[in-house]
Amino acid sequence: MTPQQALREERRHQRELQRRRQVIETVLAFIFVLALLVAFAIAGTCDYEDEQASLAYWESQGVTIQRW
């Protein structure tokens, strides 16, 4: 293998490594965003249950809550 061929091979190898890193970073970013959305979805459903529990508590105390 000539020095020029070795240099080309090394450049090709570096491009392949860079492409793999980009793919891995993209997949990790996608997983992070998905996990974040799931966390917010779970937190959002907890708010509804907490609100219902609070309303039930106040109703049991004889307080009427009106919503606008």
Protein backbone atom coordinates (compact mmCIF):
# COMPACT_ATOMS: atom_id res chain seq x y z
CA MET A 1 0.00 0.00 0.00
CA THR A 2 1.40 3.36 -0.98
CA PRO A 3 1.45 6.28 1.47
CA GLN A 4 -1.30 7.98 -0.53
CA GLN A 5 -3.51 4.89 -0.32
CA ALA A 6 -2.84 4.60 3.40
CA LEU A 7 -3.80 8.25 3.85
CA ARG A 8 -7.05 7.73 1.92
CA GLU A 9 -7.83 4.65 3.98
CA GLU A 10 -7.20 6.58 7.19
CA ARG A 11 -9.49 9.42 6.06
CA ARG A 12 -12.20 6.94 5.14
CA HIS A 13 -11.85 5.31 8.54
CA GLN A 14 -12.09 8.69 10.31
CA ARG A 15 -15.23 9.59 8.32
CA GLU A 16 -16.81 6.28 9.30
CA LEU A 17 -15.99 6.87 12.98
CA GLN A 18 -17.46 10.38 12.78
CA ARG A 19 -20.62 9.05 11.14
CA ARG A 20 -21.02 6.43 13.88
CA ARG A 21 -20.56 9.07 16.59
CA GLN A 22 -23.23 11.24 14.98
CA VAL A 23 -25.65 8.32 14.79
CA ILE A 24 -25.06 7.46 18.45
CA GLU A 25 -25.50 11.09 19.52
CA THR A 26 -28.72 11.37 17.52
CA VAL A 27 -30.14 8.21 19.05
CA LEU A 28 -29.19 9.36 22.56
CA ALA A 29 -30.82 12.74 21.96
CA PHE A 30 -33.98 11.01 20.73
CA ILE A 31 -34.05 8.75 23.80
CA PHE A 32 -33.53 11.75 26.11
CA VAL A 33 -36.37 13.72 24.51
CA LEU A 34 -38.64 10.68 24.65
CA ALA A 35 -37.84 10.15 28.34
CA LEU A 36 -38.52 13.82 29.03
CA LEU A 37 -41.91 13.63 27.31
CA VAL A 38 -42.82 10.50 29.27
CA ALA A 39 -41.82 12.19 32.53
CA PHE A 40 -44.00 15.22 31.77
CA ALA A 41 -46.89 12.98 30.74
CA ILE A 42 -46.68 11.09 34.03
CA ALA A 43 -46.44 14.33 36.00
CA GLY A 44 -49.46 15.71 34.15
CA THR A 45 -51.62 12.72 35.05
CA CYS A 46 -50.58 13.04 38.70
CA ASP A 47 -51.83 16.64 38.76
CA TYR A 48 -55.34 15.54 37.82
CA GLU A 49 -55.44 12.90 40.54
CA ASP A 50 -54.10 15.36 43.12
CA GLU A 51 -56.70 17.92 42.11
CA GLN A 52 -59.50 15.37 42.42
CA ALA A 53 -58.26 14.33 45.87
CA SER A 54 -58.13 17.97 46.96
CA LEU A 55 -61.67 18.58 45.72
CA ALA A 56 -62.92 15.49 47.53
CA TYR A 57 -61.20 16.64 50.75
CA TRP A 58 -62.78 20.08 50.66
CA GLU A 59 -66.19 18.65 49.81
CA SER A 60 -65.92 16.32 52.80
CA GLN A 61 -65.24 19.42 54.93
CA GLY A 62 -68.46 21.03 53.67
CA VAL A 63 -66.78 23.54 51.37
CA THR A 64 -68.33 24.08 47.95
CA ILE A 65 -65.85 24.87 45.20
CA GLN A 66 -67.03 26.71 42.12
CA ARG A 67 -65.06 26.75 38.92
CA TRP A 68 -65.16 29.51 36.39
